[in-house]
Full PDB file with SEQRES, HELIX, SHEET, SSBOND, CRYST1, ORIGX, SCALE, CONECT and MASTER records, all heavy atoms in Angstrom:
SEQRES   1 A   30  THR ASN ALA GLU ALA ALA ALA LYS ALA ARG LYS ALA GLY          
SEQRES   2 A   30  LEU GLU VAL VAL GLU ASN ARG CYS ILE ALA VAL GLU HIS          
SEQRES   3 A   30  GLN ARG LEU GLY                                              
HELIX    1 AA1 ALA A    3  LYS A   11  1                                   9    
HELIX    2 AA2 ILE A   22  ARG A   28  1                                   7    
CRYST1    1.000    1.000    1.000  90.00  90.00  90.00 P 1           1          
ORIGX1      1.000000  0.000000  0.000000        0.00000                         
ORIGX2      0.000000  1.000000  0.000000        0.00000                         
ORIGX3      0.000000  0.000000  1.000000        0.00000                         
SCALE1      1.000000  0.000000  0.000000        0.00000                         
SCALE2      0.000000  1.000000  0.000000        0.00000                         
SCALE3      0.000000  0.000000  1.000000        0.00000                         
ATOM      1  N   THR A   1      79.044  28.062 134.376  1.00  0.00           N  
ATOM      2  CA  THR A   1      79.959  27.742 133.285  1.00  0.00           C  
ATOM      3  C   THR A   1      80.227  26.238 133.322  1.00  0.00           C  
ATOM      4  O   THR A   1      80.204  25.621 134.380  1.00  0.00           O  
ATOM      5  CB  THR A   1      81.306  28.491 133.396  1.00  0.00           C  
ATOM      6  OG1 THR A   1      81.952  28.104 134.603  1.00  0.00           O  
ATOM      7  CG2 THR A   1      81.120  30.002 133.384  1.00  0.00           C  
ATOM      8  N   ASN A   2      80.467  25.682 132.155  1.00  0.00           N  
ATOM      9  CA  ASN A   2      80.837  24.277 132.047  1.00  0.00           C  
ATOM     10  C   ASN A   2      81.570  24.141 130.719  1.00  0.00           C  
ATOM     11  O   ASN A   2      80.940  24.087 129.659  1.00  0.00           O  
ATOM     12  CB  ASN A   2      79.603  23.370 132.107  1.00  0.00           C  
ATOM     13  CG  ASN A   2      79.971  21.900 132.087  1.00  0.00           C  
ATOM     14  OD1 ASN A   2      80.768  21.472 131.264  1.00  0.00           O  
ATOM     15  ND2 ASN A   2      79.379  21.128 132.991  1.00  0.00           N  
ATOM     16  N   ALA A   3      82.904  24.121 130.779  1.00  0.00           N  
ATOM     17  CA  ALA A   3      83.732  24.126 129.575  1.00  0.00           C  
ATOM     18  C   ALA A   3      83.449  22.930 128.673  1.00  0.00           C  
ATOM     19  O   ALA A   3      83.368  23.070 127.451  1.00  0.00           O  
ATOM     20  CB  ALA A   3      85.211  24.172 129.952  1.00  0.00           C  
ATOM     21  N   GLU A   4      83.269  21.769 129.258  1.00  0.00           N  
ATOM     22  CA  GLU A   4      83.029  20.563 128.469  1.00  0.00           C  
ATOM     23  C   GLU A   4      81.672  20.651 127.742  1.00  0.00           C  
ATOM     24  O   GLU A   4      81.567  20.355 126.549  1.00  0.00           O  
ATOM     25  CB  GLU A   4      83.054  19.331 129.378  1.00  0.00           C  
ATOM     26  CG  GLU A   4      82.918  18.018 128.646  1.00  0.00           C  
ATOM     27  CD  GLU A   4      83.009  16.843 129.607  1.00  0.00           C  
ATOM     28  OE1 GLU A   4      83.959  16.792 130.405  1.00  0.00           O  
ATOM     29  OE2 GLU A   4      82.110  15.978 129.549  1.00  0.00           O  
ATOM     30  N   ALA A   5      80.651  21.072 128.456  1.00  0.00           N  
ATOM     31  CA  ALA A   5      79.319  21.209 127.852  1.00  0.00           C  
ATOM     32  C   ALA A   5      79.328  22.298 126.777  1.00  0.00           C  
ATOM     33  O   ALA A   5      78.727  22.127 125.713  1.00  0.00           O  
ATOM     34  CB  ALA A   5      78.285  21.530 128.923  1.00  0.00           C  
ATOM     35  N   ALA A   6      80.024  23.400 127.051  1.00  0.00           N  
ATOM     36  CA  ALA A   6      80.109  24.492 126.073  1.00  0.00           C  
ATOM     37  C   ALA A   6      80.806  24.015 124.800  1.00  0.00           C  
ATOM     38  O   ALA A   6      80.347  24.312 123.687  1.00  0.00           O  
ATOM     39  CB  ALA A   6      80.853  25.681 126.670  1.00  0.00           C  
ATOM     40  N   ALA A   7      81.897  23.253 124.958  1.00  0.00           N  
ATOM     41  CA  ALA A   7      82.625  22.745 123.796  1.00  0.00           C  
ATOM     42  C   ALA A   7      81.751  21.797 122.980  1.00  0.00           C  
ATOM     43  O   ALA A   7      81.744  21.855 121.740  1.00  0.00           O  
ATOM     44  CB  ALA A   7      83.908  22.039 124.242  1.00  0.00           C  
ATOM     45  N   LYS A   8      80.988  20.956 123.648  1.00  0.00           N  
ATOM     46  CA  LYS A   8      80.109  20.024 122.942  1.00  0.00           C  
ATOM     47  C   LYS A   8      79.028  20.787 122.175  1.00  0.00           C  
ATOM     48  O   LYS A   8      78.714  20.460 121.033  1.00  0.00           O  
ATOM     49  CB  LYS A   8      79.469  19.050 123.916  1.00  0.00           C  
ATOM     50  CG  LYS A   8      78.626  18.014 123.231  1.00  0.00           C  
ATOM     51  CD  LYS A   8      78.245  16.893 124.162  1.00  0.00           C  
ATOM     52  CE  LYS A   8      77.682  15.767 123.326  1.00  0.00           C  
ATOM     53  NZ  LYS A   8      77.693  14.513 124.007  1.00  0.00           N  
ATOM     54  N   ALA A   9      78.466  21.814 122.803  1.00  0.00           N  
ATOM     55  CA  ALA A   9      77.434  22.615 122.141  1.00  0.00           C  
ATOM     56  C   ALA A   9      78.015  23.328 120.920  1.00  0.00           C  
ATOM     57  O   ALA A   9      77.407  23.324 119.844  1.00  0.00           O  
ATOM     58  CB  ALA A   9      76.841  23.620 123.119  1.00  0.00           C  
ATOM     59  N   ARG A  10      79.190  23.920 121.076  1.00  0.00           N  
ATOM     60  CA  ARG A  10      79.832  24.615 119.940  1.00  0.00           C  
ATOM     61  C   ARG A  10      80.119  23.637 118.805  1.00  0.00           C  
ATOM     62  O   ARG A  10      79.898  23.954 117.635  1.00  0.00           O  
ATOM     63  CB  ARG A  10      81.113  25.294 120.398  1.00  0.00           C  
ATOM     64  CG  ARG A  10      80.881  26.557 121.154  1.00  0.00           C  
ATOM     65  CD  ARG A  10      82.190  27.318 121.433  1.00  0.00           C  
ATOM     66  NE  ARG A  10      81.929  28.427 122.315  1.00  0.00           N  
ATOM     67  CZ  ARG A  10      82.166  28.423 123.626  1.00  0.00           C  
ATOM     68  NH1 ARG A  10      82.714  27.357 124.206  1.00  0.00           N  
ATOM     69  NH2 ARG A  10      81.872  29.472 124.363  1.00  0.00           N  
ATOM     70  N   LYS A  11      80.622  22.458 119.157  1.00  0.00           N  
ATOM     71  CA  LYS A  11      80.937  21.454 118.140  1.00  0.00           C  
ATOM     72  C   LYS A  11      79.685  21.066 117.352  1.00  0.00           C  
ATOM     73  O   LYS A  11      79.757  20.764 116.161  1.00  0.00           O  
ATOM     74  CB  LYS A  11      81.555  20.221 118.801  1.00  0.00           C  
ATOM     75  CG  LYS A  11      82.021  19.180 117.810  1.00  0.00           C  
ATOM     76  CD  LYS A  11      82.739  18.039 118.493  1.00  0.00           C  
ATOM     77  CE  LYS A  11      83.188  17.037 117.452  1.00  0.00           C  
ATOM     78  NZ  LYS A  11      83.861  15.886 118.045  1.00  0.00           N  
ATOM     79  N   ALA A  12      78.519  21.118 118.016  1.00  0.00           N  
ATOM     80  CA  ALA A  12      77.252  20.780 117.354  1.00  0.00           C  
ATOM     81  C   ALA A  12      76.659  21.984 116.609  1.00  0.00           C  
ATOM     82  O   ALA A  12      75.597  21.874 116.018  1.00  0.00           O  
ATOM     83  CB  ALA A  12      76.264  20.266 118.385  1.00  0.00           C  
ATOM     84  N   GLY A  13      77.364  23.124 116.658  1.00  0.00           N  
ATOM     85  CA  GLY A  13      76.924  24.293 115.903  1.00  0.00           C  
ATOM     86  C   GLY A  13      76.126  25.326 116.680  1.00  0.00           C  
ATOM     87  O   GLY A  13      75.628  26.292 116.094  1.00  0.00           O  
ATOM     88  N   LEU A  14      75.991  25.153 117.986  1.00  0.00           N  
ATOM     89  CA  LEU A  14      75.265  26.132 118.791  1.00  0.00           C  
ATOM     90  C   LEU A  14      76.178  27.288 119.183  1.00  0.00           C  
ATOM     91  O   LEU A  14      77.383  27.087 119.411  1.00  0.00           O  
ATOM     92  CB  LEU A  14      74.711  25.500 120.076  1.00  0.00           C  
ATOM     93  CG  LEU A  14      73.416  24.712 119.964  1.00  0.00           C  
ATOM     94  CD1 LEU A  14      73.637  23.387 119.272  1.00  0.00           C  
ATOM     95  CD2 LEU A  14      72.820  24.507 121.337  1.00  0.00           C  
ATOM     96  N   GLU A  15      75.610  28.476 119.263  1.00  0.00           N  
ATOM     97  CA  GLU A  15      76.284  29.603 119.891  1.00  0.00           C  
ATOM     98  C   GLU A  15      76.230  29.344 121.386  1.00  0.00           C  
ATOM     99  O   GLU A  15      75.242  28.785 121.885  1.00  0.00           O  
ATOM    100  CB  GLU A  15      75.572  30.919 119.572  1.00  0.00           C  
ATOM    101  CG  GLU A  15      75.660  31.331 118.124  1.00  0.00           C  
ATOM    102  CD  GLU A  15      77.068  31.769 117.736  1.00  0.00           C  
ATOM    103  OE1 GLU A  15      77.780  32.354 118.579  1.00  0.00           O  
ATOM    104  OE2 GLU A  15      77.445  31.512 116.592  1.00  0.00           O  
ATOM    105  N   VAL A  16      77.249  29.758 122.109  1.00  0.00           N  
ATOM    106  CA  VAL A  16      77.282  29.525 123.554  1.00  0.00           C  
ATOM    107  C   VAL A  16      77.586  30.825 124.284  1.00  0.00           C  
ATOM    108  O   VAL A  16      78.523  31.540 123.928  1.00  0.00           O  
ATOM    109  CB  VAL A  16      78.341  28.457 123.927  1.00  0.00           C  
ATOM    110  CG1 VAL A  16      78.437  28.290 125.440  1.00  0.00           C  
ATOM    111  CG2 VAL A  16      78.025  27.129 123.255  1.00  0.00           C  
ATOM    112  N   VAL A  17      76.771  31.112 125.279  1.00  0.00           N  
ATOM    113  CA  VAL A  17      76.999  32.233 126.192  1.00  0.00           C  
ATOM    114  C   VAL A  17      77.063  31.629 127.587  1.00  0.00           C  
ATOM    115  O   VAL A  17      76.199  30.839 127.968  1.00  0.00           O  
ATOM    116  CB  VAL A  17      75.852  33.273 126.113  1.00  0.00           C  
ATOM    117  CG1 VAL A  17      76.108  34.410 127.089  1.00  0.00           C  
ATOM    118  CG2 VAL A  17      75.699  33.790 124.688  1.00  0.00           C  
ATOM    119  N   GLU A  18      78.099  31.998 128.320  1.00  0.00           N  
ATOM    120  CA  GLU A  18      78.271  31.490 129.678  1.00  0.00           C  
ATOM    121  C   GLU A  18      78.366  32.652 130.663  1.00  0.00           C  
ATOM    122  O   GLU A  18      78.873  33.725 130.327  1.00  0.00           O  
ATOM    123  CB  GLU A  18      79.559  30.672 129.802  1.00  0.00           C  
ATOM    124  CG  GLU A  18      79.592  29.411 128.969  1.00  0.00           C  
ATOM    125  CD  GLU A  18      80.876  28.645 129.183  1.00  0.00           C  
ATOM    126  OE1 GLU A  18      80.969  27.919 130.204  1.00  0.00           O  
ATOM    127  OE2 GLU A  18      81.782  28.779 128.344  1.00  0.00           O  
ATOM    128  N   ASN A  19      77.900  32.392 131.879  1.00  0.00           N  
ATOM    129  CA  ASN A  19      78.098  33.308 132.992  1.00  0.00           C  
ATOM    130  C   ASN A  19      77.554  34.716 132.717  1.00  0.00           C  
ATOM    131  O   ASN A  19      78.169  35.708 133.083  1.00  0.00           O  
ATOM    132  CB  ASN A  19      79.588  33.361 133.373  1.00  0.00           C  
ATOM    133  CG  ASN A  19      79.813  34.015 134.719  1.00  0.00           C  
ATOM    134  OD1 ASN A  19      78.962  33.974 135.599  1.00  0.00           O  
ATOM    135  ND2 ASN A  19      80.966  34.634 134.864  1.00  0.00           N  
ATOM    136  N   ARG A  20      76.407  34.799 132.059  1.00  0.00           N  
ATOM    137  CA  ARG A  20      75.753  36.087 131.809  1.00  0.00           C  
ATOM    138  C   ARG A  20      74.254  35.929 131.991  1.00  0.00           C  
ATOM    139  O   ARG A  20      73.694  34.912 131.611  1.00  0.00           O  
ATOM    140  CB  ARG A  20      76.018  36.586 130.395  1.00  0.00           C  
ATOM    141  CG  ARG A  20      77.444  37.024 130.181  1.00  0.00           C  
ATOM    142  CD  ARG A  20      77.575  37.719 128.867  1.00  0.00           C  
ATOM    143  NE  ARG A  20      78.952  38.072 128.632  1.00  0.00           N  
ATOM    144  CZ  ARG A  20      79.334  39.153 127.996  1.00  0.00           C  
ATOM    145  NH1 ARG A  20      78.440  39.989 127.523  1.00  0.00           N  
ATOM    146  NH2 ARG A  20      80.598  39.411 127.810  1.00  0.00           N  
ATOM    147  N   CYS A  21      73.632  36.969 132.511  1.00  0.00           N  
ATOM    148  CA  CYS A  21      72.182  36.961 132.673  1.00  0.00           C  
ATOM    149  C   CYS A  21      71.532  37.505 131.406  1.00  0.00           C  
ATOM    150  O   CYS A  21      71.834  38.626 130.986  1.00  0.00           O  
ATOM    151  CB  CYS A  21      71.766  37.799 133.883  1.00  0.00           C  
ATOM    152  SG  CYS A  21      69.979  37.913 134.049  1.00  0.00           S  
ATOM    153  N   ILE A  22      70.657  36.731 130.808  1.00  0.00           N  
ATOM    154  CA  ILE A  22      70.014  37.130 129.561  1.00  0.00           C  
ATOM    155  C   ILE A  22      69.176  38.400 129.737  1.00  0.00           C  
ATOM    156  O   ILE A  22      69.152  39.260 128.865  1.00  0.00           O  
ATOM    157  CB  ILE A  22      69.193  35.968 128.955  1.00  0.00           C  
ATOM    158  CG1 ILE A  22      68.779  36.277 127.517  1.00  0.00           C  
ATOM    159  CG2 ILE A  22      68.030  35.585 129.836  1.00  0.00           C  
ATOM    160  CD1 ILE A  22      68.215  35.074 126.763  1.00  0.00           C  
ATOM    161  N   ALA A  23      68.522  38.558 130.886  1.00  0.00           N  
ATOM    162  CA  ALA A  23      67.711  39.751 131.139  1.00  0.00           C  
ATOM    163  C   ALA A  23      68.607  40.978 131.317  1.00  0.00           C  
ATOM    164  O   ALA A  23      68.306  42.060 130.776  1.00  0.00           O  
ATOM    165  CB  ALA A  23      66.817  39.563 132.358  1.00  0.00           C  
ATOM    166  N   VAL A  24      69.698  40.842 132.030  1.00  0.00           N  
ATOM    167  CA  VAL A  24      70.634  41.960 132.213  1.00  0.00           C  
ATOM    168  C   VAL A  24      71.217  42.381 130.871  1.00  0.00           C  
ATOM    169  O   VAL A  24      71.306  43.581 130.569  1.00  0.00           O  
ATOM    170  CB  VAL A  24      71.754  41.573 133.208  1.00  0.00           C  
ATOM    171  CG1 VAL A  24      72.881  42.597 133.204  1.00  0.00           C  
ATOM    172  CG2 VAL A  24      71.185  41.420 134.608  1.00  0.00           C  
ATOM    173  N   GLU A  25      71.583  41.418 130.043  1.00  0.00           N  
ATOM    174  CA  GLU A  25      72.134  41.741 128.738  1.00  0.00           C  
ATOM    175  C   GLU A  25      71.091  42.443 127.861  1.00  0.00           C  
ATOM    176  O   GLU A  25      71.393  43.391 127.151  1.00  0.00           O  
ATOM    177  CB  GLU A  25      72.661  40.480 128.040  1.00  0.00           C  
ATOM    178  CG  GLU A  25      73.847  39.852 128.734  1.00  0.00           C  
ATOM    179  CD  GLU A  25      75.059  40.777 128.831  1.00  0.00           C  
ATOM    180  OE1 GLU A  25      75.349  41.515 127.873  1.00  0.00           O  
ATOM    181  OE2 GLU A  25      75.716  40.776 129.892  1.00  0.00           O  
ATOM    182  N   HIS A  26      69.868  41.984 127.917  1.00  0.00           N  
ATOM    183  CA  HIS A  26      68.778  42.616 127.151  1.00  0.00           C  
ATOM    184  C   HIS A  26      68.608  44.075 127.591  1.00  0.00           C  
ATOM    185  O   HIS A  26      68.519  44.981 126.742  1.00  0.00           O  
ATOM    186  CB  HIS A  26      67.489  41.821 127.373  1.00  0.00           C  
ATOM    187  CG  HIS A  26      66.367  42.228 126.486  1.00  0.00           C  
ATOM    188  ND1 HIS A  26      65.489  43.227 126.840  1.00  0.00           N  
ATOM    189  CD2 HIS A  26      65.987  41.780 125.263  1.00  0.00           C  
ATOM    190  CE1 HIS A  26      64.597  43.379 125.866  1.00  0.00           C  
ATOM    191  NE2 HIS A  26      64.882  42.517 124.890  1.00  0.00           N  
ATOM    192  N   GLN A  27      68.613  44.305 128.893  1.00  0.00           N  
ATOM    193  CA  GLN A  27      68.481  45.677 129.415  1.00  0.00           C  
ATOM    194  C   GLN A  27      69.691  46.532 129.041  1.00  0.00           C  
ATOM    195  O   GLN A  27      69.544  47.675 128.628  1.00  0.00           O  
ATOM    196  CB  GLN A  27      68.326  45.642 130.944  1.00  0.00           C  
ATOM    197  CG  GLN A  27      67.008  45.089 131.396  1.00  0.00           C  
ATOM    198  CD  GLN A  27      66.961  44.900 132.898  1.00  0.00           C  
ATOM    199  OE1 GLN A  27      67.922  45.165 133.628  1.00  0.00           O  
ATOM    200  NE2 GLN A  27      65.832  44.423 133.392  1.00  0.00           N  
ATOM    201  N   ARG A  28      70.873  45.967 129.205  1.00  0.00           N  
ATOM    202  CA  ARG A  28      72.117  46.705 128.947  1.00  0.00           C  
ATOM    203  C   ARG A  28      72.181  47.185 127.490  1.00  0.00           C  
ATOM    204  O   ARG A  28      72.639  48.290 127.217  1.00  0.00           O  
ATOM    205  CB  ARG A  28      73.324  45.811 129.252  1.00  0.00           C  
ATOM    206  CG  ARG A  28      74.672  46.497 129.102  1.00  0.00           C  
ATOM    207  CD  ARG A  28      75.804  45.546 129.427  1.00  0.00           C  
ATOM    208  NE  ARG A  28      75.873  44.401 128.543  1.00  0.00           N  
ATOM    209  CZ  ARG A  28      76.356  44.428 127.297  1.00  0.00           C  
ATOM    210  NH1 ARG A  28      76.801  45.546 126.789  1.00  0.00           N  
ATOM    211  NH2 ARG A  28      76.383  43.337 126.571  1.00  0.00           N  
ATOM    212  N   LEU A  29      71.680  46.366 126.585  1.00  0.00           N  
ATOM    213  CA  LEU A  29      71.712  46.720 125.167  1.00  0.00           C  
ATOM    214  C   LEU A  29      70.535  47.621 124.763  1.00  0.00           C  
ATOM    215  O   LEU A  29      70.451  48.047 123.616  1.00  0.00           O  
ATOM    216  CB  LEU A  29      71.715  45.444 124.315  1.00  0.00           C  
ATOM    217  CG  LEU A  29      73.003  44.623 124.426  1.00  0.00           C  
ATOM    218  CD1 LEU A  29      72.807  43.243 123.811  1.00  0.00           C  
ATOM    219  CD2 LEU A  29      74.170  45.349 123.792  1.00  0.00           C  
ATOM    220  N   GLY A  30      69.638  47.868 125.701  1.00  0.00           N  
ATOM    221  CA  GLY A  30      68.515  48.745 125.427  1.00  0.00           C  
ATOM    222  C   GLY A  30      67.520  48.185 124.419  1.00  0.00           C  
ATOM    223  O   GLY A  30      66.931  48.923 123.635  1.00  0.00           O  
TER     224      GLY A  30                                                      
MASTER        0    0    0    2    0    0    0    6  223    1    0    3          
END                                                                             
């Protein structure tokens, strides 16, 4: 996690996901 980096990314229009594994989320959602 990095609150400052996340805020900068959001301000630039990016979606931000922190502290989650993309593979675990993909599996969890089936």
